Amino acid sequence: MKQSLAVACQRIFDGEALFHDHALLIEGGTVNDIVPQSDVPDGFVLRQAGDRLLAPGFVDLQVNGGGGVLFNNQPDVAGIETICKAHAAYGTTSVMVTLITDTPEVRDQALTAGKAAFEQQVPGYLGLHLEGPHLSHARKGTHDPALIRPMQPDDLSVLVEAGGSFGQAITTIAPESVTSDQVRSLVQAGYIVSLGHTDAQAHAIAPYVEAGASMVTHLFNAMSQMGNREPGLVGIALDDGRLSCGLIADGFHVDPVSMRVAIRGKGGPSHIFLVTDSMSTVGTDDDGFELNGRRIYRNGGRLTLADGTLAGADIDMLSCVRYTHLTLGLPLVEALRLAARYPAEALGLINKGQLRPGFDADFVILDRDLGWHSTWIDGSLVSGGANAIEVVAP
């Protein structure tokens, strides 16, 4: 049985409000309360994090790899464990491990691995995001055009049967390759359907939102853009409050002006949230990797194919938070919401993304300069500087 723990910190952000000189109370891996440090009840082991910031752990809904592993290249439990561990070192406590467009055989291996990881409760593993293969050739991005194809009845059957078995489920689809009826079936099976890699115009997108699509994959990238007479997916995403939108805040995928305009202009109640779209290079010194038989090159913070096409991102979630705060100028608490609360809400999670009573005690501790200190999942340290958190009282 887990001990009752109190983590005291100069600043604690619960996802809504900022507390000074308080302590986070944890019992059984969940949040009990946030109280003044002088009011920590008897029976709690008090740890003092000092002059730092404690915030909800980051929730990343699009993680292709990390720690030298690309999920497409290693679709097994060990691969999932490596990816989750790599991102925990940057404050991410919930990972949607993402499979990029691949063969049906690799998809099936990924579903099997996701089911096993879910059953084994791999720390940090939240579920699978299947990005393709049912996309548009016109907006393929780095996805292999030879593997992109329309969704067939067999594809739908496999996904519906697997729904609910591997944790949370997201699938990115394009209207060009999937019918609205298929979207309804996926939503009924528990999938969050995300629109992306599509050149569809507004009139073609609307039926998919009505069918239950509720998310947009990496806003601005690989999609129809907003024009004066045709809003495209970008315009629909910003206008329709039913659509939550992932955003890659690395300074390469989207111009900062476009990011600021989008964040200010997003129609609610849904939000824009941060994703990394990270590849295997995160947490390594690798100079590149292979994807579907093609070399991806790493240079200056960018990942590209030989022709210069961006191929995912070489960034972690904490770096996205820093960029959103320091470059875009968002208040720090709002940048933290974009990395934790809003993606959790986009998935409909009622126990993650905030540090409220009854929520999972998933949190990150940051230094004053927003350097990373440690990451905790279910109230247990999974990565970082345990020695810097002093045990004050038994």
Protein backbone atom coordinates (compact mmCIF):
# COMPACT_ATOMS: atom_id res chain seq x y z
CA MET A 1 0.00 0.00 0.00
CA LYS A 2 1.32 3.45 -0.94
CA GLN A 3 2.23 5.79 1.89
CA SER A 4 0.39 9.04 2.45
CA LEU A 5 2.63 11.73 1.00
CA ALA A 6 2.76 15.51 1.16
CA VAL A 7 4.91 17.36 -1.36
CA ALA A 8 5.54 20.95 -0.32
CA CYS A 9 6.54 23.54 -2.90
CA GLN A 10 6.80 27.30 -3.14
CA ARG A 11 4.27 27.29 -5.99
CA ILE A 12 1.67 24.63 -6.83
CA PHE A 13 -0.54 24.94 -9.89
CA ASP A 14 -3.57 22.65 -9.86
CA GLY A 15 -4.64 23.32 -13.45
CA GLU A 16 -6.84 26.25 -12.51
CA ALA A 17 -5.34 28.20 -9.62
CA LEU A 18 -1.83 28.91 -8.35
CA PHE A 19 -1.05 28.29 -4.67
CA HIS A 20 1.95 29.68 -2.77
CA ASP A 21 3.72 27.82 0.04
CA HIS A 22 1.27 24.93 -0.02
CA ALA A 23 1.60 21.16 -0.07
CA LEU A 24 0.02 18.56 -2.34
CA LEU A 25 -1.52 15.76 -0.28
CA ILE A 26 -1.46 12.32 -1.92
CA GLU A 27 -3.17 9.14 -0.75
CA GLY A 28 -3.27 5.86 -2.64
CA GLY A 29 -1.79 7.46 -5.76
CA THR A 30 -4.50 10.13 -6.03
CA VAL A 31 -4.75 13.75 -4.97
CA ASN A 32 -6.32 14.28 -1.57
CA ASP A 33 -6.03 18.06 -1.28
CA ILE A 34 -3.77 21.10 -1.53
CA VAL A 35 -3.25 22.77 1.85
CA PRO A 36 -0.96 25.38 3.43
CA GLN A 37 2.34 23.81 4.42
CA SER A 38 1.55 24.56 8.07
CA ASP A 39 -1.64 22.49 7.82
CA VAL A 40 -0.23 19.17 6.60
CA PRO A 41 -2.10 16.52 8.66
CA ASP A 42 -0.38 13.99 10.87
CA GLY A 43 0.43 10.71 9.18
CA PHE A 44 1.70 12.23 5.91
CA VAL A 45 5.35 11.87 4.96
CA LEU A 46 6.37 15.44 4.11
CA ARG A 47 8.80 16.06 1.26
CA GLN A 48 10.05 19.59 0.68
CA ALA A 49 10.61 20.57 -2.97
CA GLY A 50 11.66 24.07 -2.01
CA ASP A 51 11.78 27.06 -4.35
CA ARG A 52 10.16 25.31 -7.31
CA LEU A 53 6.90 24.91 -9.21
CA LEU A 54 4.73 21.80 -9.01
CA ALA A 55 2.25 21.41 -11.88
CA PRO A 56 0.04 18.74 -13.47
CA GLY A 57 2.00 16.22 -15.51
CA PHE A 58 1.91 16.80 -19.24
CA VAL A 59 -0.52 14.87 -21.43
CA ASP A 60 0.85 14.30 -24.94
CA LEU A 61 -1.65 12.94 -27.46
CA GLN A 62 0.82 12.45 -30.33
CA VAL A 63 4.12 10.72 -29.57
CA ASN A 64 5.67 8.70 -32.37
CA GLY A 65 8.82 7.80 -30.48
CA GLY A 66 11.53 8.67 -28.01
CA GLY A 67 14.63 7.26 -26.39
CA GLY A 68 15.86 5.91 -29.71
CA VAL A 69 12.64 3.99 -30.45
CA LEU A 70 10.15 4.77 -33.20
CA PHE A 71 6.91 2.90 -32.53
CA ASN A 72 6.54 1.94 -36.20
CA ASN A 73 9.93 0.25 -36.03
CA GLN A 74 9.36 -1.42 -32.66
CA PRO A 75 5.62 -1.99 -32.14
CA ASP A 76 5.92 -3.98 -28.91
CA VAL A 77 5.63 -3.44 -25.16
CA ALA A 78 9.34 -2.79 -24.76
CA GLY A 79 9.09 -0.05 -27.36
CA ILE A 80 6.15 1.53 -25.54
CA GLU A 81 8.03 1.39 -22.23
CA THR A 82 11.08 3.08 -23.75
CA ILE A 83 9.00 5.84 -25.34
CA CYS A 84 7.08 6.58 -22.14
CA LYS A 85 10.24 6.57 -20.04
CA ALA A 86 12.01 8.94 -22.45
CA HIS A 87 9.19 11.49 -22.27
CA ALA A 88 8.83 11.21 -18.50
CA ALA A 89 12.28 12.83 -18.33
CA TYR A 90 10.64 16.00 -19.71
CA GLY A 91 7.53 16.08 -17.52
CA THR A 92 5.11 13.99 -19.58
CA THR A 93 3.08 11.62 -17.44
CA SER A 94 0.49 10.47 -20.01
CA VAL A 95 1.47 9.38 -23.52
CA MET A 96 -0.66 8.48 -26.50
CA VAL A 97 1.85 6.32 -28.35
CA THR A 98 1.37 7.03 -32.04
CA LEU A 99 1.60 4.74 -35.05
CA ILE A 100 2.25 6.54 -38.33
CA THR A 101 0.80 5.13 -41.58
CA ASP A 102 2.05 1.57 -42.04
CA THR A 103 0.97 -1.87 -43.21
CA PRO A 104 -1.98 -3.78 -41.71
CA GLU A 105 0.52 -6.21 -40.19
CA VAL A 106 2.33 -3.44 -38.29
CA ARG A 107 -1.01 -1.94 -37.23
CA ASP A 108 -2.06 -5.30 -35.78
CA GLN A 109 1.25 -5.62 -33.93
CA ALA A 110 0.71 -2.15 -32.50
CA LEU A 111 -2.80 -3.02 -31.31
CA THR A 112 -1.49 -6.17 -29.62
CA ALA A 113 1.33 -4.22 -27.97
CA GLY A 114 -1.07 -1.51 -26.80
CA LYS A 115 -3.36 -4.10 -25.23
CA ALA A 116 -0.45 -5.70 -23.38
CA ALA A 117 0.90 -2.33 -22.19
CA PHE A 118 -2.56 -1.37 -20.95
CA GLU A 119 -2.95 -4.65 -19.07
CA GLN A 120 0.55 -4.36 -17.59
CA GLN A 121 -0.10 -0.73 -16.57
CA VAL A 122 3.11 0.56 -18.13
CA PRO A 123 3.84 3.85 -16.33
CA GLY A 124 2.87 6.79 -18.50
CA TYR A 125 1.10 4.77 -21.17
CA LEU A 126 -2.36 6.17 -21.89
CA GLY A 127 -3.32 4.53 -25.18
CA LEU A 128 -2.72 4.52 -28.93
CA HIS A 129 -3.07 7.17 -31.59
CA LEU A 130 -3.37 5.62 -35.05
CA GLU A 131 -2.36 8.39 -37.46
CA GLY A 132 -3.35 6.92 -40.82
CA PRO A 133 -3.19 5.06 -43.13
CA HIS A 134 -6.60 6.39 -44.19
CA LEU A 135 -5.42 9.84 -45.25
CA SER A 136 -5.24 12.07 -48.31
CA HIS A 137 -2.40 11.72 -50.80
CA ALA A 138 -2.61 15.45 -51.47
CA ARG A 139 -1.73 16.22 -47.84
CA LYS A 140 0.40 13.19 -47.03
CA GLY A 141 3.26 15.06 -45.34
CA THR A 142 5.89 12.50 -44.42
CA HIS A 143 3.48 9.56 -44.60
CA ASP A 144 4.47 6.99 -47.21
CA PRO A 145 2.11 7.46 -50.19
CA ALA A 146 2.44 3.78 -51.08
CA LEU A 147 0.79 2.88 -47.75
CA ILE A 148 -2.03 5.45 -47.73
CA ARG A 149 -5.38 3.87 -48.66
CA PRO A 150 -9.14 4.14 -48.13
CA MET A 151 -10.65 2.43 -45.10
CA GLN A 152 -12.05 -0.96 -46.06
CA PRO A 153 -14.70 -2.97 -44.16
CA ASP A 154 -11.96 -5.23 -42.79
CA ASP A 155 -10.05 -2.22 -41.46
CA LEU A 156 -13.13 -0.95 -39.68
CA SER A 157 -13.85 -4.38 -38.20
CA VAL A 158 -10.33 -4.68 -36.79
CA LEU A 159 -10.49 -1.25 -35.17
CA VAL A 160 -13.99 -1.68 -33.77
CA GLU A 161 -13.12 -5.07 -32.31
CA ALA A 162 -9.98 -3.66 -30.69
CA GLY A 163 -11.73 -0.58 -29.28
CA GLY A 164 -11.43 -0.37 -25.52
CA SER A 165 -8.76 -3.07 -25.28
CA PHE A 166 -5.63 -0.91 -25.41
CA GLY A 167 -6.57 2.13 -23.32
CA GLN A 168 -7.55 5.46 -24.82
CA ALA A 169 -7.93 5.51 -28.61
CA ILE A 170 -7.43 8.23 -31.22
CA THR A 171 -7.40 7.75 -34.96
CA THR A 172 -6.53 10.44 -37.49
CA ILE A 173 -8.48 10.16 -40.73
CA ALA A 174 -9.16 12.21 -43.85
CA PRO A 175 -12.65 12.55 -45.36
CA GLU A 176 -11.14 11.56 -48.71
CA SER A 177 -10.45 8.04 -47.39
CA VAL A 178 -13.12 7.37 -44.73
CA THR A 179 -16.92 7.69 -44.84
CA SER A 180 -18.96 9.54 -42.25
CA ASP A 181 -20.73 6.27 -41.40
CA GLN A 182 -17.36 4.70 -40.64
CA VAL A 183 -16.61 7.63 -38.37
CA ARG A 184 -19.87 7.00 -36.49
CA SER A 185 -18.88 3.37 -35.99
CA LEU A 186 -15.44 4.36 -34.71
CA VAL A 187 -16.91 6.88 -32.26
CA GLN A 188 -19.38 4.28 -31.00
CA ALA A 189 -16.44 1.90 -30.46
CA GLY A 190 -14.74 4.46 -28.22
CA TYR A 191 -12.36 6.20 -30.60
CA ILE A 192 -11.68 9.91 -30.65
CA VAL A 193 -11.74 10.63 -34.37
CA SER A 194 -9.34 13.36 -35.39
CA LEU A 195 -9.37 15.06 -38.79
CA GLY A 196 -6.03 15.59 -40.46
CA HIS A 197 -3.85 15.04 -43.51
CA THR A 198 -6.76 16.21 -45.65
CA ASP A 199 -7.34 18.67 -48.46
CA ALA A 200 -11.10 18.62 -47.93
CA GLN A 201 -13.10 21.84 -48.14
CA ALA A 202 -15.52 23.02 -45.49
CA HIS A 203 -18.66 21.55 -47.03
CA ALA A 204 -17.02 18.10 -47.09
CA ILE A 205 -15.74 18.37 -43.52
CA ALA A 206 -19.05 19.31 -41.86
CA PRO A 207 -20.65 15.81 -42.10
CA TYR A 208 -17.66 14.30 -40.29
CA VAL A 209 -18.03 16.68 -37.36
CA GLU A 210 -21.73 15.85 -37.24
CA ALA A 211 -20.78 12.14 -37.24
CA GLY A 212 -18.69 12.66 -34.11
CA ALA A 213 -15.19 13.73 -35.15
CA SER A 214 -14.01 15.90 -32.26
CA MET A 215 -10.33 16.63 -32.84
CA VAL A 216 -7.93 18.08 -35.42
CA THR A 217 -4.40 16.70 -35.82
CA HIS A 218 -1.47 19.18 -35.71
CA LEU A 219 -3.36 22.33 -36.70
CA PHE A 220 -2.14 24.08 -39.89
CA ASN A 221 0.08 21.17 -40.93
CA ALA A 222 -1.02 18.77 -43.69
CA MET A 223 -4.50 20.23 -44.13
CA SER A 224 -6.57 22.63 -46.23
CA GLN A 225 -5.81 26.19 -45.19
CA MET A 226 -8.16 29.06 -44.39
CA GLY A 227 -8.89 31.44 -47.26
CA ASN A 228 -11.19 34.38 -47.73
CA ARG A 229 -13.92 32.35 -49.45
CA GLU A 230 -13.01 28.82 -48.38
CA PRO A 231 -12.28 28.25 -44.67
CA GLY A 232 -10.76 24.80 -45.15
CA LEU A 233 -10.06 22.58 -42.17
CA VAL A 234 -8.06 25.32 -40.44
CA GLY A 235 -11.06 27.66 -40.48
CA ILE A 236 -13.51 24.97 -39.40
CA ALA A 237 -11.17 23.90 -36.59
CA LEU A 238 -10.91 27.41 -35.19
CA ASP A 239 -14.59 28.24 -35.58
CA ASP A 240 -16.26 25.05 -34.36
CA GLY A 241 -16.28 24.73 -30.58
CA ARG A 242 -16.71 20.97 -30.82
CA LEU A 243 -13.23 20.50 -32.26
CA SER A 244 -10.12 20.36 -30.06
CA CYS A 245 -6.90 21.04 -31.95
CA GLY A 246 -3.37 19.78 -31.43
CA LEU A 247 -0.58 22.27 -32.10
CA ILE A 248 3.15 21.61 -32.53
CA ALA A 249 4.91 24.54 -30.84
CA ASP A 250 8.48 23.99 -31.99
CA GLY A 251 8.94 27.12 -34.12
CA PHE A 252 9.31 25.08 -37.33
CA HIS A 253 5.86 23.62 -38.00
CA VAL A 254 3.87 26.81 -37.45
CA ASP A 255 4.88 30.48 -37.43
CA PRO A 256 4.52 32.10 -34.01
CA VAL A 257 2.18 34.76 -35.41
CA SER A 258 -0.15 32.04 -36.72
CA MET A 259 0.01 30.27 -33.36
CA ARG A 260 -0.92 33.39 -31.42
CA VAL A 261 -3.79 34.21 -33.78
CA ALA A 262 -5.11 30.65 -33.55
CA ILE A 263 -4.94 30.48 -29.77
CA ARG A 264 -6.69 33.84 -29.40
CA GLY A 265 -9.30 33.00 -32.00
CA LYS A 266 -10.21 29.42 -31.09
CA GLY A 267 -13.94 29.00 -30.56
CA GLY A 268 -14.90 27.17 -27.35
CA PRO A 269 -15.70 25.23 -25.35
CA SER A 270 -12.96 23.06 -26.89
CA HIS A 271 -9.38 24.31 -26.89
CA ILE A 272 -6.10 24.24 -28.72
CA PHE A 273 -3.64 21.98 -26.91
CA LEU A 274 0.05 21.20 -27.33
CA VAL A 275 1.39 18.03 -28.92
CA THR A 276 5.00 17.17 -29.64
CA ASP A 277 4.57 14.85 -32.65
CA SER A 278 7.97 13.70 -31.44
CA MET A 279 10.09 11.06 -33.07
CA SER A 280 12.68 8.60 -31.76
CA THR A 281 15.37 11.28 -31.43
CA VAL A 282 13.95 12.80 -28.24
CA GLY A 283 16.31 12.01 -25.38
CA THR A 284 19.12 10.86 -27.69
CA ASP A 285 22.07 12.17 -29.72
CA ASP A 286 20.96 10.27 -32.83
CA ASP A 287 21.46 12.08 -36.13
CA GLY A 288 18.40 10.47 -37.72
CA PHE A 289 16.41 7.28 -38.16
CA GLU A 290 14.53 5.14 -40.67
CA LEU A 291 10.77 5.34 -41.36
CA ASN A 292 9.11 3.02 -43.89
CA GLY A 293 12.48 2.46 -45.53
CA ARG A 294 13.28 6.17 -45.87
CA ARG A 295 15.97 8.11 -44.01
CA ILE A 296 14.86 10.94 -41.72
CA TYR A 297 17.57 13.53 -41.06
CA ARG A 298 18.06 15.48 -37.83
CA ASN A 299 19.56 18.93 -38.12
CA GLY A 300 19.20 22.08 -36.02
CA GLY A 301 16.04 20.99 -34.25
CA ARG A 302 14.34 19.87 -37.48
CA LEU A 303 13.56 16.38 -38.76
CA THR A 304 13.17 16.08 -42.53
CA LEU A 305 13.09 13.73 -45.45
CA ALA A 306 15.82 14.14 -48.04
CA ASP A 307 13.60 16.57 -49.96
CA GLY A 308 13.17 18.82 -46.92
CA THR A 309 9.65 17.70 -45.95
CA LEU A 310 9.18 17.97 -42.20
CA ALA A 311 9.00 14.50 -40.66
CA GLY A 312 7.58 14.84 -37.18
CA ALA A 313 9.24 16.96 -34.51
CA ASP A 314 12.42 16.86 -32.49
CA ILE A 315 10.97 18.36 -29.33
CA ASP A 316 9.68 17.41 -25.87
CA MET A 317 6.60 18.80 -24.14
CA LEU A 318 8.48 20.93 -21.62
CA SER A 319 10.26 22.68 -24.51
CA CYS A 320 6.83 23.31 -26.09
CA VAL A 321 5.64 24.85 -22.81
CA ARG A 322 8.70 27.10 -22.67
CA TYR A 323 8.19 28.16 -26.29
CA THR A 324 4.52 28.91 -25.72
CA HIS A 325 5.30 30.97 -22.65
CA LEU A 326 8.55 32.70 -23.60
CA THR A 327 8.15 33.12 -27.37
CA LEU A 328 4.39 33.35 -27.83
CA GLY A 329 3.98 35.34 -24.62
CA LEU A 330 1.21 33.28 -23.02
CA PRO A 331 1.00 33.39 -19.21
CA LEU A 332 2.84 30.41 -17.74
CA VAL A 333 -0.32 28.95 -16.21
CA GLU A 334 -2.03 29.00 -19.62
CA ALA A 335 0.97 27.36 -21.27
CA LEU A 336 0.76 24.64 -18.61
CA ARG A 337 -2.96 24.19 -19.31
CA LEU A 338 -2.20 23.71 -23.00
CA ALA A 339 0.16 20.86 -22.06
CA ALA A 340 -2.00 19.10 -19.48
CA ARG A 341 -5.57 20.18 -18.77
CA TYR A 342 -6.72 20.86 -22.34
CA PRO A 343 -5.45 17.63 -23.92
CA ALA A 344 -6.94 15.65 -21.03
CA GLU A 345 -10.27 17.38 -21.60
CA ALA A 346 -10.03 16.68 -25.34
CA LEU A 347 -9.92 12.96 -24.51
CA GLY A 348 -12.72 13.27 -21.98
CA LEU A 349 -10.49 12.18 -19.11
CA ILE A 350 -11.91 12.91 -15.70
CA ASN A 351 -8.82 12.00 -13.67
CA LYS A 352 -5.84 13.62 -15.44
CA GLY A 353 -4.55 17.02 -16.44
CA GLN A 354 -5.34 18.70 -13.12
CA LEU A 355 -4.41 18.21 -9.47
CA ARG A 356 -7.82 18.24 -7.87
CA PRO A 357 -9.14 15.86 -5.19
CA GLY A 358 -9.70 12.44 -6.72
CA PHE A 359 -7.44 13.07 -9.73
CA ASP A 360 -4.38 10.93 -10.39
CA ALA A 361 -1.33 12.33 -8.62
CA ASP A 362 0.59 12.82 -11.87
CA PHE A 363 2.81 15.88 -11.67
CA VAL A 364 6.05 17.52 -12.71
CA ILE A 365 8.33 19.66 -10.58
CA LEU A 366 10.14 22.50 -12.37
CA ASP A 367 12.92 24.81 -11.28
CA ARG A 368 12.45 28.58 -11.26
CA ASP A 369 13.94 28.90 -14.75
CA LEU A 370 11.50 26.19 -15.99
CA GLY A 371 14.23 23.59 -15.97
CA TRP A 372 13.01 20.07 -15.29
CA HIS A 373 13.49 18.58 -11.84
CA SER A 374 11.38 15.43 -11.48
CA THR A 375 8.30 13.59 -12.75
CA TRP A 376 5.78 11.68 -10.65
CA ILE A 377 3.05 9.26 -11.73
CA ASP A 378 0.38 8.08 -9.26
CA GLY A 379 2.34 9.81 -6.51
CA SER A 380 5.53 7.87 -7.19
CA LEU A 381 8.77 9.25 -8.57
CA VAL A 382 9.40 7.86 -12.07
CA SER A 383 12.19 10.16 -13.23
CA GLY A 384 14.41 12.83 -11.77
CA GLY A 385 16.06 14.27 -8.72
CA ALA A 386 14.67 12.43 -5.71
CA ASN A 387 17.66 13.48 -3.63
CA ALA A 388 16.74 17.14 -4.02
CA ILE A 389 13.37 16.58 -2.34
CA GLU A 390 14.09 16.43 1.33
CA VAL A 391 12.08 14.19 3.65
CA VAL A 392 11.06 16.58 6.42
CA ALA A 393 8.84 14.47 8.65
CA PRO A 394 7.60 10.87 8.86
